[in-house]
Structure formats: structure tokens, C-alpha cells
């Protein structure tokens, strides 16, 4: 040999020079990468259904018109709808049709403060009180929101999976 240390020896020397906190950090990153690789492998081989979509949208012409109204009104500036929009700022509207029935949603669009006993930001100051929408537009929005369903196992489902 020419006196040069091997790759394994160089790695061991570099590892020995690290402080204990740096070693812990490298170890944790390695564990996370390993966990991510295993999770990805299980998902793509369909051993588990972790990537299965559990929220559905029951499409109809009226619901599609309601979606357009929701989109134009900028609701996704605060809410997430169809997995698009702000997360965590306001409740997700995905799965709304599973959490509430059509009449509840329609009553909310008519008078949010009354329906939520004052516990809503849809009061006209912070967010729309829906007064700018006509009754037929509110019907379309309610149809769209009611078309947002969640299946058991979804984060948007009202009951945790059994």
C-alpha cells in the first residue's frame, strides 16, 4: 500500500472529530431517511394504503357552479378546499358534507353567527357573512360543500377510525 488510509478509516476519523451533538444529529437524520425510505417502499408496493385518498367530491353541475363561486370569492385564502388553499388558518372544507347535512350548511350560509352561536369569523368583519351572495348562489355553494365527503380513516372524517 502507499500509506494512504482507506475510505473506511477516513470516515472513522471524520466521525471521531465530530462533537457529540453533531453525531446525534447525523444519527437522527439517518434514522429519518431510513424510515422515509421504508414508508415509501411500503406505499409504492401497495403493502399499505397510506397514500389512498380518503376524501371524495361528488361532482354535479350545481356543485361545479358552487366551486366556481367559492373559488371566485377567495375562500381558499383561508380554507383548504379540494386539497388546495391555506392549511390551518381556517377549517378545511374537505369532508364538509360528511360533517354536516345540506340544511345545516345552507343555514350557515344564511346566518353564520346564528348557526355557530357567535363562534365564527364569518361575521362580515374578518370574513364574508355571505350577504353578497343571492339565494340561488348560496344553494350552489351549499351543494358544492355538501358534495365534499370523507371516508372513514380520513383526517376530515367526523369520527376516528375504529
C-alpha atoms as a PDB file:
ATOM      1  CA  UNK A   1       0.000   0.000   0.000  1.00  0.00           C
ATOM      2  CA  UNK A   2       1.031   3.569  -0.481  1.00  0.00           C
ATOM      3  CA  UNK A   3       0.342   4.673   3.098  1.00  0.00           C
ATOM      4  CA  UNK A   4      -2.972   6.323   2.268  1.00  0.00           C
ATOM      5  CA  UNK A   5      -5.764   5.481   4.736  1.00  0.00           C
ATOM      6  CA  UNK A   6      -8.718   3.617   3.244  1.00  0.00           C
ATOM      7  CA  UNK A   7     -12.186   5.108   2.844  1.00  0.00           C
ATOM      8  CA  UNK A   8     -13.450   3.373   5.958  1.00  0.00           C
ATOM      9  CA  UNK A   9     -10.540   4.726   8.014  1.00  0.00           C
ATOM     10  CA  UNK A  10     -11.131   8.278   6.700  1.00  0.00           C
ATOM     11  CA  UNK A  11     -14.839   8.048   7.607  1.00  0.00           C
ATOM     12  CA  UNK A  12     -13.938   6.779  11.088  1.00  0.00           C
ATOM     13  CA  UNK A  13     -11.501   9.672  11.573  1.00  0.00           C
ATOM     14  CA  UNK A  14     -14.101  12.210  10.415  1.00  0.00           C
ATOM     15  CA  UNK A  15     -16.701  10.645  12.730  1.00  0.00           C
ATOM     16  CA  UNK A  16     -14.301  10.826  15.684  1.00  0.00           C
ATOM     17  CA  UNK A  17     -13.752  14.554  15.065  1.00  0.00           C
ATOM     18  CA  UNK A  18     -17.494  15.292  15.381  1.00  0.00           C
ATOM     19  CA  UNK A  19     -18.905  16.623  18.629  1.00  0.00           C
ATOM     20  CA  UNK A  20     -21.486  14.502  20.419  1.00  0.00           C
ATOM     21  CA  UNK A  21     -24.382  16.765  19.340  1.00  0.00           C
ATOM     22  CA  UNK A  22     -23.283  16.523  15.714  1.00  0.00           C
ATOM     23  CA  UNK A  23     -23.175  12.735  15.981  1.00  0.00           C
ATOM     24  CA  UNK A  24     -26.701  12.678  17.417  1.00  0.00           C
ATOM     25  CA  UNK A  25     -27.893  14.944  14.609  1.00  0.00           C
ATOM     26  CA  UNK A  26     -26.366  12.749  11.901  1.00  0.00           C
ATOM     27  CA  UNK A  27     -27.815   9.651  13.556  1.00  0.00           C
ATOM     28  CA  UNK A  28     -31.331  11.182  13.717  1.00  0.00           C
ATOM     29  CA  UNK A  29     -31.183  12.300  10.080  1.00  0.00           C
ATOM     30  CA  UNK A  30     -30.113   8.798   9.098  1.00  0.00           C
ATOM     31  CA  UNK A  31     -32.995   7.256  11.049  1.00  0.00           C
ATOM     32  CA  UNK A  32     -35.480   9.637   9.405  1.00  0.00           C
ATOM     33  CA  UNK A  33     -34.113   8.866   5.948  1.00  0.00           C
ATOM     34  CA  UNK A  34     -34.349   5.139   6.646  1.00  0.00           C
ATOM     35  CA  UNK A  35     -37.917   5.486   7.941  1.00  0.00           C
ATOM     36  CA  UNK A  36     -38.878   7.572   4.889  1.00  0.00           C
ATOM     37  CA  UNK A  37     -37.382   5.003   2.519  1.00  0.00           C
ATOM     38  CA  UNK A  38     -39.246   2.139   4.221  1.00  0.00           C
ATOM     39  CA  UNK A  39     -42.513   4.137   4.208  1.00  0.00           C
ATOM     40  CA  UNK A  40     -42.071   4.981   0.515  1.00  0.00           C
ATOM     41  CA  UNK A  41     -41.294   1.353  -0.350  1.00  0.00           C
ATOM     42  CA  UNK A  42     -44.384   0.117   1.512  1.00  0.00           C
ATOM     43  CA  UNK A  43     -46.540   2.722  -0.218  1.00  0.00           C
ATOM     44  CA  UNK A  44     -45.392   2.040  -3.773  1.00  0.00           C
ATOM     45  CA  UNK A  45     -45.616  -1.735  -3.355  1.00  0.00           C
ATOM     46  CA  UNK A  46     -49.177  -1.352  -2.017  1.00  0.00           C
ATOM     47  CA  UNK A  47     -48.365  -3.256   1.164  1.00  0.00           C
ATOM     48  CA  UNK A  48     -50.178  -0.470   2.992  1.00  0.00           C
ATOM     49  CA  UNK A  49     -52.786   2.009   1.804  1.00  0.00           C
ATOM     50  CA  UNK A  50     -51.304   5.091   3.489  1.00  0.00           C
ATOM     51  CA  UNK A  51     -51.427   7.079   0.259  1.00  0.00           C
ATOM     52  CA  UNK A  52     -55.034   6.169  -0.565  1.00  0.00           C
ATOM     53  CA  UNK A  53     -57.269   9.208  -0.990  1.00  0.00           C
ATOM     54  CA  UNK A  54     -59.997   9.162   1.628  1.00  0.00           C
ATOM     55  CA  UNK A  55     -61.800  12.373   0.660  1.00  0.00           C
ATOM     56  CA  UNK A  56     -64.112  12.393  -2.322  1.00  0.00           C
ATOM     57  CA  UNK A  57     -66.005  15.009  -4.300  1.00  0.00           C
ATOM     58  CA  UNK A  58     -69.438  14.094  -5.629  1.00  0.00           C
ATOM     59  CA  UNK A  59     -69.417  16.059  -8.856  1.00  0.00           C
ATOM     60  CA  UNK A  60     -72.558  17.612 -10.323  1.00  0.00           C
ATOM     61  CA  UNK A  61     -73.277  20.694 -12.472  1.00  0.00           C
ATOM     62  CA  UNK A  62     -74.649  22.646  -9.473  1.00  0.00           C
ATOM     63  CA  UNK A  63     -71.708  21.620  -7.280  1.00  0.00           C
ATOM     64  CA  UNK A  64     -69.280  22.705 -10.008  1.00  0.00           C
ATOM     65  CA  UNK A  65     -71.002  26.109 -10.176  1.00  0.00           C
ATOM     66  CA  UNK A  66     -70.693  26.320  -6.384  1.00  0.00           C
ATOM     67  CA  UNK A  67     -66.999  25.527  -6.631  1.00  0.00           C
ATOM     68  CA  UNK A  68     -66.559  28.386  -9.093  1.00  0.00           C
ATOM     69  CA  UNK A  69     -68.299  30.761  -6.639  1.00  0.00           C
ATOM     70  CA  UNK A  70     -66.079  29.547  -3.772  1.00  0.00           C
ATOM     71  CA  UNK A  71     -63.013  29.976  -5.958  1.00  0.00           C
ATOM     72  CA  UNK A  72     -64.005  33.477  -7.139  1.00  0.00           C
ATOM     73  CA  UNK A  73     -64.876  34.607  -3.597  1.00  0.00           C
ATOM     74  CA  UNK A  74     -61.355  33.745  -2.418  1.00  0.00           C
ATOM     75  CA  UNK A  75     -62.465  31.235   0.214  1.00  0.00           C
ATOM     76  CA  UNK A  76     -59.215  29.331  -0.321  1.00  0.00           C
ATOM     77  CA  UNK A  77     -57.292  32.306   1.051  1.00  0.00           C
ATOM     78  CA  UNK A  78     -58.280  30.956   4.468  1.00  0.00           C
ATOM     79  CA  UNK A  79     -59.750  27.462   3.894  1.00  0.00           C
ATOM     80  CA  UNK A  80     -58.442  24.452   2.028  1.00  0.00           C
ATOM     81  CA  UNK A  81     -60.894  23.048  -0.496  1.00  0.00           C
ATOM     82  CA  UNK A  82     -60.175  20.010  -2.665  1.00  0.00           C
ATOM     83  CA  UNK A  83     -56.730  19.888  -1.001  1.00  0.00           C
ATOM     84  CA  UNK A  84     -55.853  23.381  -2.283  1.00  0.00           C
ATOM     85  CA  UNK A  85     -55.653  26.529  -0.209  1.00  0.00           C
ATOM     86  CA  UNK A  86     -54.427  27.611   3.197  1.00  0.00           C
ATOM     87  CA  UNK A  87     -53.860  24.890   5.788  1.00  0.00           C
ATOM     88  CA  UNK A  88     -54.517  25.610   9.446  1.00  0.00           C
ATOM     89  CA  UNK A  89     -55.723  29.184   9.112  1.00  0.00           C
ATOM     90  CA  UNK A  90     -59.392  28.153   8.943  1.00  0.00           C
ATOM     91  CA  UNK A  91     -61.053  24.728   8.942  1.00  0.00           C
ATOM     92  CA  UNK A  92     -60.626  22.537   5.899  1.00  0.00           C
ATOM     93  CA  UNK A  93     -63.809  22.330   3.845  1.00  0.00           C
ATOM     94  CA  UNK A  94     -62.857  18.882   2.536  1.00  0.00           C
ATOM     95  CA  UNK A  95     -65.278  16.396   4.087  1.00  0.00           C
ATOM     96  CA  UNK A  96     -67.813  19.106   4.980  1.00  0.00           C
ATOM     97  CA  UNK A  97     -70.675  17.059   3.525  1.00  0.00           C
ATOM     98  CA  UNK A  98     -69.856  14.243   5.934  1.00  0.00           C
ATOM     99  CA  UNK A  99     -69.648  16.503   8.987  1.00  0.00           C
ATOM    100  CA  UNK A 100     -72.857  18.446   8.256  1.00  0.00           C
ATOM    101  CA  UNK A 101     -76.011  17.850   6.239  1.00  0.00           C
ATOM    102  CA  UNK A 102     -77.156  20.097   3.400  1.00  0.00           C
ATOM    103  CA  UNK A 103     -79.684  22.005   5.534  1.00  0.00           C
ATOM    104  CA  UNK A 104     -77.053  22.831   8.169  1.00  0.00           C
ATOM    105  CA  UNK A 105     -74.649  24.139   5.522  1.00  0.00           C
ATOM    106  CA  UNK A 106     -77.412  26.171   3.861  1.00  0.00           C
ATOM    107  CA  UNK A 107     -78.455  27.661   7.236  1.00  0.00           C
ATOM    108  CA  UNK A 108     -74.814  28.562   7.894  1.00  0.00           C
ATOM    109  CA  UNK A 109     -74.608  30.424   4.586  1.00  0.00           C
ATOM    110  CA  UNK A 110     -77.782  32.321   5.523  1.00  0.00           C
ATOM    111  CA  UNK A 111     -76.680  33.351   9.041  1.00  0.00           C
ATOM    112  CA  UNK A 112     -73.234  32.091  10.135  1.00  0.00           C
ATOM    113  CA  UNK A 113     -73.298  33.733  13.579  1.00  0.00           C
ATOM    114  CA  UNK A 114     -76.676  32.229  14.470  1.00  0.00           C
ATOM    115  CA  UNK A 115     -75.740  28.775  13.179  1.00  0.00           C
ATOM    116  CA  UNK A 116     -72.445  28.752  15.094  1.00  0.00           C
ATOM    117  CA  UNK A 117     -73.797  30.622  18.161  1.00  0.00           C
ATOM    118  CA  UNK A 118     -71.418  33.508  17.507  1.00  0.00           C
ATOM    119  CA  UNK A 119     -68.295  31.322  17.249  1.00  0.00           C
ATOM    120  CA  UNK A 120     -67.305  32.171  13.685  1.00  0.00           C
ATOM    121  CA  UNK A 121     -65.174  34.726  11.894  1.00  0.00           C
ATOM    122  CA  UNK A 122     -67.739  34.845   9.081  1.00  0.00           C
ATOM    123  CA  UNK A 123     -69.289  37.976  10.550  1.00  0.00           C
ATOM    124  CA  UNK A 124     -68.597  40.458   7.750  1.00  0.00           C
ATOM    125  CA  UNK A 125     -65.586  41.990   9.535  1.00  0.00           C
ATOM    126  CA  UNK A 126     -62.983  39.238   9.290  1.00  0.00           C
ATOM    127  CA  UNK A 127     -64.566  37.044   6.644  1.00  0.00           C
ATOM    128  CA  UNK A 128     -67.636  37.188   4.447  1.00  0.00           C
ATOM    129  CA  UNK A 129     -71.051  36.860   6.082  1.00  0.00           C
ATOM    130  CA  UNK A 130     -72.259  35.647   2.665  1.00  0.00           C
ATOM    131  CA  UNK A 131     -74.650  38.611   2.253  1.00  0.00           C
ATOM    132  CA  UNK A 132     -73.111  39.326  -1.162  1.00  0.00           C
ATOM    133  CA  UNK A 133     -74.483  36.031  -2.475  1.00  0.00           C
ATOM    134  CA  UNK A 134     -78.023  35.600  -3.784  1.00  0.00           C
ATOM    135  CA  UNK A 135     -80.152  32.672  -2.515  1.00  0.00           C
ATOM    136  CA  UNK A 136     -79.515  30.645  -5.720  1.00  0.00           C
ATOM    137  CA  UNK A 137     -75.762  31.250  -5.338  1.00  0.00           C
ATOM    138  CA  UNK A 138     -75.935  30.106  -1.698  1.00  0.00           C
ATOM    139  CA  UNK A 139     -77.758  26.969  -2.879  1.00  0.00           C
ATOM    140  CA  UNK A 140     -74.915  26.240  -5.307  1.00  0.00           C
ATOM    141  CA  UNK A 141     -72.244  26.843  -2.653  1.00  0.00           C
ATOM    142  CA  UNK A 142     -74.117  24.594  -0.207  1.00  0.00           C
ATOM    143  CA  UNK A 143     -74.393  21.920  -2.904  1.00  0.00           C
ATOM    144  CA  UNK A 144     -70.652  22.142  -3.511  1.00  0.00           C
ATOM    145  CA  UNK A 145     -69.803  21.971   0.202  1.00  0.00           C
ATOM    146  CA  UNK A 146     -72.222  19.083   0.744  1.00  0.00           C
ATOM    147  CA  UNK A 147     -70.518  17.240  -2.133  1.00  0.00           C
ATOM    148  CA  UNK A 148     -67.259  17.188  -0.109  1.00  0.00           C
ATOM    149  CA  UNK A 149     -67.324  13.753   1.549  1.00  0.00           C
ATOM    150  CA  UNK A 150     -64.749  11.966   3.647  1.00  0.00           C
ATOM    151  CA  UNK A 151     -64.375   8.256   4.081  1.00  0.00           C
ATOM    152  CA  UNK A 152     -63.505   6.518   7.367  1.00  0.00           C
ATOM    153  CA  UNK A 153     -59.796   6.870   8.009  1.00  0.00           C
ATOM    154  CA  UNK A 154     -59.662  10.402   6.610  1.00  0.00           C
ATOM    155  CA  UNK A 155     -58.454  13.230   8.799  1.00  0.00           C
ATOM    156  CA  UNK A 156     -61.631  15.044   7.737  1.00  0.00           C
ATOM    157  CA  UNK A 157     -63.960  12.271   8.884  1.00  0.00           C
ATOM    158  CA  UNK A 158     -66.007  13.268  11.951  1.00  0.00           C
ATOM    159  CA  UNK A 159     -65.271  10.039  13.843  1.00  0.00           C
ATOM    160  CA  UNK A 160     -61.836   8.464  14.251  1.00  0.00           C
ATOM    161  CA  UNK A 161     -61.413   5.090  12.554  1.00  0.00           C
ATOM    162  CA  UNK A 162     -62.378   2.072  14.692  1.00  0.00           C
END
